[in-house]
N, C-alpha and C. Protein backbone atom coordinates (compact mmCIF):
# COMPACT_ATOMS: atom_id res chain seq x y z
N MET A 1 -17.80 -19.72 -24.91
CA MET A 1 -16.31 -19.50 -25.56
C MET A 1 -15.77 -18.15 -24.66
N SER A 2 -14.41 -18.29 -24.53
CA SER A 2 -13.83 -17.23 -23.81
C SER A 2 -13.57 -15.89 -24.77
N TYR A 3 -13.77 -14.79 -23.96
CA TYR A 3 -13.42 -13.62 -24.81
C TYR A 3 -12.02 -13.46 -25.28
N PHE A 4 -11.13 -13.88 -24.43
CA PHE A 4 -9.68 -13.95 -24.68
C PHE A 4 -9.27 -15.23 -25.45
N THR A 5 -8.64 -14.79 -26.38
CA THR A 5 -8.09 -15.95 -27.35
C THR A 5 -6.45 -15.54 -27.68
N ILE A 6 -5.80 -16.65 -28.02
CA ILE A 6 -4.48 -16.47 -28.34
C ILE A 6 -4.33 -15.49 -29.59
N LYS A 7 -5.31 -15.61 -30.63
CA LYS A 7 -5.27 -14.71 -31.63
C LYS A 7 -5.38 -13.19 -31.26
N LYS A 8 -6.43 -13.09 -30.41
CA LYS A 8 -6.55 -11.63 -29.87
C LYS A 8 -5.25 -11.22 -29.19
N ILE A 9 -4.77 -11.97 -28.34
CA ILE A 9 -3.54 -11.57 -27.74
C ILE A 9 -2.40 -11.29 -28.55
N GLU A 10 -2.26 -12.07 -29.73
CA GLU A 10 -1.23 -11.90 -30.80
C GLU A 10 -1.51 -10.47 -31.44
N LYS A 11 -2.70 -10.12 -31.67
CA LYS A 11 -3.22 -8.94 -32.37
C LYS A 11 -2.87 -7.78 -31.37
N TRP A 12 -3.32 -7.88 -30.12
CA TRP A 12 -2.98 -6.87 -29.17
C TRP A 12 -1.55 -6.67 -28.95
N SER A 13 -0.67 -7.65 -29.03
CA SER A 13 0.63 -7.51 -28.82
C SER A 13 1.20 -6.63 -30.01
N LYS A 14 0.85 -7.26 -31.09
CA LYS A 14 1.33 -6.49 -32.42
C LYS A 14 1.04 -4.96 -32.41
N ASN A 15 -0.18 -4.62 -31.95
CA ASN A 15 -0.63 -3.30 -31.65
C ASN A 15 -0.32 -2.55 -30.63
N LYS A 16 0.43 -3.24 -29.72
CA LYS A 16 1.04 -2.54 -28.37
C LYS A 16 -0.28 -2.11 -27.60
N GLU A 17 -1.31 -3.01 -27.42
CA GLU A 17 -2.50 -2.59 -26.76
C GLU A 17 -2.37 -3.24 -25.28
N THR A 18 -1.52 -2.34 -24.60
CA THR A 18 -1.12 -2.73 -23.15
C THR A 18 -2.35 -3.07 -22.22
N SER A 19 -3.33 -2.09 -22.38
CA SER A 19 -4.44 -2.00 -21.46
C SER A 19 -5.43 -3.53 -21.67
N ARG A 20 -5.57 -3.84 -22.94
CA ARG A 20 -6.06 -5.14 -23.31
C ARG A 20 -5.37 -6.25 -22.81
N LEU A 21 -4.08 -6.35 -23.06
CA LEU A 21 -3.26 -7.37 -22.42
C LEU A 21 -3.34 -7.66 -21.03
N ILE A 22 -3.36 -6.47 -20.30
CA ILE A 22 -3.43 -6.28 -18.85
C ILE A 22 -4.74 -7.00 -18.53
N ASP A 23 -5.86 -6.67 -19.13
CA ASP A 23 -7.11 -7.28 -18.90
C ASP A 23 -7.11 -8.68 -19.12
N ALA A 24 -6.34 -9.23 -19.99
CA ALA A 24 -6.36 -10.63 -20.26
C ALA A 24 -5.64 -11.40 -19.15
N LEU A 25 -4.97 -10.75 -18.34
CA LEU A 25 -4.42 -11.38 -17.05
C LEU A 25 -5.48 -12.00 -16.19
N ASN A 26 -6.59 -11.50 -16.14
CA ASN A 26 -7.88 -12.01 -15.53
C ASN A 26 -8.35 -13.28 -16.11
N SER A 27 -7.99 -13.72 -17.16
CA SER A 27 -8.62 -14.87 -17.92
C SER A 27 -8.41 -16.22 -16.77
N GLU A 28 -9.32 -17.04 -16.96
CA GLU A 28 -9.25 -18.36 -16.14
C GLU A 28 -8.24 -19.29 -16.69
N ASP A 29 -7.97 -19.10 -18.02
CA ASP A 29 -7.11 -19.92 -18.72
C ASP A 29 -5.57 -19.66 -18.42
N SER A 30 -4.82 -20.40 -17.94
CA SER A 30 -3.47 -20.08 -17.78
C SER A 30 -2.56 -19.92 -18.94
N GLU A 31 -3.06 -20.57 -20.03
CA GLU A 31 -2.33 -20.15 -21.37
C GLU A 31 -2.49 -18.78 -21.88
N ILE A 32 -3.79 -18.24 -21.75
CA ILE A 32 -4.06 -17.03 -22.12
C ILE A 32 -3.22 -16.01 -21.18
N ARG A 33 -3.27 -16.29 -19.84
CA ARG A 33 -2.54 -15.35 -18.96
C ARG A 33 -1.02 -15.34 -19.31
N LYS A 34 -0.38 -16.47 -19.63
CA LYS A 34 0.90 -16.69 -19.94
C LYS A 34 1.25 -15.84 -21.25
N ALA A 35 0.42 -16.04 -22.36
CA ALA A 35 0.66 -15.34 -23.48
C ALA A 35 0.48 -14.00 -23.35
N SER A 36 -0.42 -13.48 -22.52
CA SER A 36 -0.47 -12.01 -22.41
C SER A 36 0.67 -11.52 -21.60
N ILE A 37 1.13 -12.21 -20.66
CA ILE A 37 2.39 -11.90 -19.88
C ILE A 37 3.54 -11.86 -20.74
N LEU A 38 3.90 -12.77 -21.70
CA LEU A 38 4.93 -12.77 -22.55
C LEU A 38 4.82 -11.52 -23.49
N SER A 39 3.61 -11.10 -23.81
CA SER A 39 3.46 -9.93 -24.66
C SER A 39 3.82 -8.68 -24.03
N LEU A 40 3.19 -8.64 -22.89
CA LEU A 40 3.59 -7.46 -22.07
C LEU A 40 5.05 -7.25 -21.81
N GLY A 41 5.70 -8.44 -21.61
CA GLY A 41 7.16 -8.33 -21.45
C GLY A 41 7.89 -7.91 -22.56
N SER A 42 7.44 -8.44 -23.63
CA SER A 42 8.13 -7.95 -24.99
C SER A 42 7.87 -6.41 -25.47
N ILE A 43 6.67 -6.06 -25.02
CA ILE A 43 6.22 -4.65 -25.52
C ILE A 43 7.25 -3.66 -24.45
N GLY A 44 7.34 -4.01 -23.31
CA GLY A 44 8.08 -3.21 -22.39
C GLY A 44 7.62 -1.90 -21.63
N ASP A 45 6.19 -1.92 -21.78
CA ASP A 45 5.56 -0.81 -21.09
C ASP A 45 5.51 -0.96 -19.56
N ALA A 46 6.06 -0.09 -18.90
CA ALA A 46 6.09 -0.11 -17.44
C ALA A 46 4.68 0.07 -16.79
N VAL A 47 3.70 0.26 -17.46
CA VAL A 47 2.45 0.48 -16.95
C VAL A 47 1.91 -1.03 -16.56
N ALA A 48 2.51 -1.85 -16.98
CA ALA A 48 2.09 -3.39 -16.71
C ALA A 48 2.79 -3.89 -15.53
N LEU A 49 3.64 -3.22 -14.90
CA LEU A 49 4.62 -3.58 -13.91
C LEU A 49 3.73 -4.02 -12.59
N GLU A 50 2.92 -3.10 -12.20
CA GLU A 50 1.91 -3.54 -10.96
C GLU A 50 1.04 -4.64 -11.33
N SER A 51 0.54 -4.78 -12.35
CA SER A 51 -0.34 -6.09 -12.73
C SER A 51 0.43 -7.37 -12.78
N LEU A 52 1.69 -7.23 -13.18
CA LEU A 52 2.59 -8.43 -13.27
C LEU A 52 2.98 -8.84 -11.79
N GLN A 53 3.27 -7.79 -11.13
CA GLN A 53 3.60 -8.11 -9.67
C GLN A 53 2.38 -8.74 -8.89
N TYR A 54 1.20 -8.14 -9.10
CA TYR A 54 0.04 -8.88 -8.60
C TYR A 54 -0.13 -10.36 -8.92
N ILE A 55 0.21 -10.62 -10.24
CA ILE A 55 0.17 -12.11 -10.66
C ILE A 55 1.20 -12.86 -9.85
N ILE A 56 2.51 -12.31 -9.70
CA ILE A 56 3.41 -12.95 -8.93
C ILE A 56 2.94 -13.36 -7.68
N ASP A 57 2.20 -12.40 -6.95
CA ASP A 57 1.75 -12.49 -5.51
C ASP A 57 0.63 -13.37 -5.32
N ASN A 58 -0.13 -13.49 -6.43
CA ASN A 58 -1.52 -14.08 -6.19
C ASN A 58 -1.81 -15.18 -7.09
N ASP A 59 -1.11 -15.44 -8.29
CA ASP A 59 -1.69 -16.51 -9.25
C ASP A 59 -1.26 -17.82 -8.51
N THR A 60 -2.07 -18.82 -9.02
CA THR A 60 -2.02 -20.05 -8.43
C THR A 60 -1.09 -21.08 -9.31
N ASP A 61 -0.81 -20.62 -10.46
CA ASP A 61 0.01 -21.27 -11.36
C ASP A 61 1.37 -20.81 -11.35
N GLU A 62 2.29 -21.77 -11.02
CA GLU A 62 3.73 -21.34 -10.72
C GLU A 62 4.49 -21.10 -11.95
N PHE A 63 3.99 -21.66 -13.26
CA PHE A 63 4.57 -21.28 -14.47
C PHE A 63 4.17 -19.94 -14.82
N VAL A 64 2.86 -19.46 -14.60
CA VAL A 64 2.53 -18.16 -14.94
C VAL A 64 3.22 -17.11 -14.13
N LYS A 65 3.47 -17.54 -12.72
CA LYS A 65 4.25 -16.66 -11.84
C LYS A 65 5.80 -16.41 -12.39
N MET A 66 6.28 -17.52 -12.83
CA MET A 66 7.72 -17.39 -13.37
C MET A 66 7.70 -16.59 -14.61
N THR A 67 6.80 -16.64 -15.36
CA THR A 67 6.61 -15.95 -16.75
C THR A 67 6.50 -14.57 -16.30
N ALA A 68 5.74 -14.20 -15.43
CA ALA A 68 5.44 -12.84 -14.83
C ALA A 68 6.78 -12.11 -14.48
N GLU A 69 7.48 -12.94 -13.63
CA GLU A 69 8.76 -12.51 -13.04
C GLU A 69 9.81 -12.12 -14.25
N GLN A 70 9.87 -13.10 -15.37
CA GLN A 70 10.77 -12.72 -16.46
C GLN A 70 10.21 -11.56 -17.19
N ALA A 71 8.92 -11.31 -17.26
CA ALA A 71 8.34 -10.14 -17.96
C ALA A 71 8.74 -8.88 -17.32
N ILE A 72 8.82 -8.97 -15.84
CA ILE A 72 9.27 -7.75 -15.20
C ILE A 72 10.57 -7.42 -15.50
N VAL A 73 11.51 -8.45 -15.45
CA VAL A 73 12.93 -8.39 -15.83
C VAL A 73 13.07 -7.76 -17.21
N ASN A 74 12.25 -8.24 -18.30
CA ASN A 74 12.49 -7.64 -19.60
C ASN A 74 11.87 -6.14 -19.65
N ILE A 75 10.79 -5.85 -18.84
CA ILE A 75 10.36 -4.43 -18.96
C ILE A 75 11.28 -3.49 -18.40
N ARG A 76 11.84 -4.03 -17.19
CA ARG A 76 13.07 -3.07 -16.59
C ARG A 76 14.22 -2.84 -17.48
N LYS A 77 14.64 -4.05 -18.13
CA LYS A 77 15.68 -4.02 -19.01
C LYS A 77 15.42 -3.14 -20.26
N ILE A 78 14.33 -3.02 -20.67
CA ILE A 78 13.93 -2.29 -21.89
C ILE A 78 13.97 -0.79 -21.44
N GLY A 79 13.44 -0.54 -20.26
CA GLY A 79 13.43 0.77 -19.78
C GLY A 79 14.82 1.42 -19.65
N ILE A 80 15.68 0.56 -18.97
CA ILE A 80 17.23 0.86 -18.72
C ILE A 80 17.75 1.03 -20.17
N ASP A 81 17.62 0.30 -21.10
CA ASP A 81 18.11 0.22 -22.41
C ASP A 81 17.79 1.76 -23.08
N THR A 82 16.36 2.08 -22.80
CA THR A 82 15.94 3.12 -23.44
C THR A 82 16.49 4.33 -22.98
N ARG A 83 16.73 4.49 -21.48
CA ARG A 83 17.40 5.51 -21.01
C ARG A 83 18.87 5.77 -21.32
N ILE A 84 19.43 4.61 -21.41
CA ILE A 84 20.90 4.56 -21.73
C ILE A 84 21.07 5.16 -23.19
N ASN A 85 20.23 4.65 -24.28
CA ASN A 85 20.31 4.95 -25.65
C ASN A 85 19.93 6.52 -25.73
N LEU A 86 19.05 7.13 -25.08
CA LEU A 86 18.66 8.50 -25.01
C LEU A 86 19.56 9.40 -24.36
N GLU A 87 20.28 8.98 -23.32
CA GLU A 87 21.23 9.95 -22.60
C GLU A 87 22.22 10.61 -23.48
N PRO A 88 22.80 10.06 -24.36
CA PRO A 88 23.86 10.81 -25.18
C PRO A 88 23.14 11.85 -26.14
N ILE A 89 22.03 11.50 -26.41
CA ILE A 89 21.24 12.41 -27.35
C ILE A 89 20.75 13.71 -26.62
N GLN A 90 20.41 13.39 -25.33
CA GLN A 90 19.84 14.50 -24.39
C GLN A 90 20.98 15.25 -24.01
N LEU A 91 22.13 14.78 -23.71
CA LEU A 91 23.29 15.63 -23.41
C LEU A 91 23.89 16.44 -24.60
N LYS A 92 23.92 15.86 -25.95
CA LYS A 92 24.30 16.67 -26.95
C LYS A 92 23.23 17.69 -27.23
N LEU A 93 21.99 17.53 -27.06
CA LEU A 93 20.89 18.61 -27.14
C LEU A 93 21.14 19.75 -26.18
N ALA A 94 21.35 19.33 -24.86
CA ALA A 94 21.49 20.26 -23.84
C ALA A 94 22.89 21.10 -24.18
N TYR A 95 23.78 20.51 -24.61
CA TYR A 95 25.10 21.14 -24.84
C TYR A 95 24.88 22.13 -26.08
N ASN A 96 24.12 21.78 -27.18
CA ASN A 96 23.81 22.63 -28.24
C ASN A 96 23.02 23.65 -27.88
N LEU A 97 22.16 23.65 -26.84
CA LEU A 97 21.34 24.72 -26.43
C LEU A 97 21.91 25.44 -25.26
N ASN A 98 23.16 25.11 -24.84
CA ASN A 98 23.78 25.81 -23.76
C ASN A 98 22.92 25.58 -22.44
N ILE A 99 22.39 24.39 -22.22
CA ILE A 99 21.52 24.16 -20.98
C ILE A 99 22.23 23.01 -20.06
N SER A 100 23.37 23.33 -19.79
CA SER A 100 24.05 22.36 -18.91
C SER A 100 23.82 22.43 -17.40
C-alpha cells in the first residue's frame, strides 16, 4: 500500500502542510501527484514553486504537468493579491509612524 493516499493529501491540505504535499509529488501514482499539486496551488505557499517547476520539466504525465502549471499561476496570483491587499495597510502604518 502506498504511503500517500487521497485522504492524507486532503488532511495535509486542510492543515497547510506544504512540506508533506511536496513530498507527495514523488508518488508513482499520478492521481496522488495531481491531488498534491492542486492542494499546493490552493494553499499558495511560494515554497512549492521550485518543486512544481521540476514537475513541469520532468513529469511524464501531461495532465500532471498542466496541473502544475496552473498551480504556479495560482500561487503567483495569491502572492500578488496578498501584496496588493497589504500595501495600503503598510502605507497607512508608515504614515502614522512618520516613516515615509
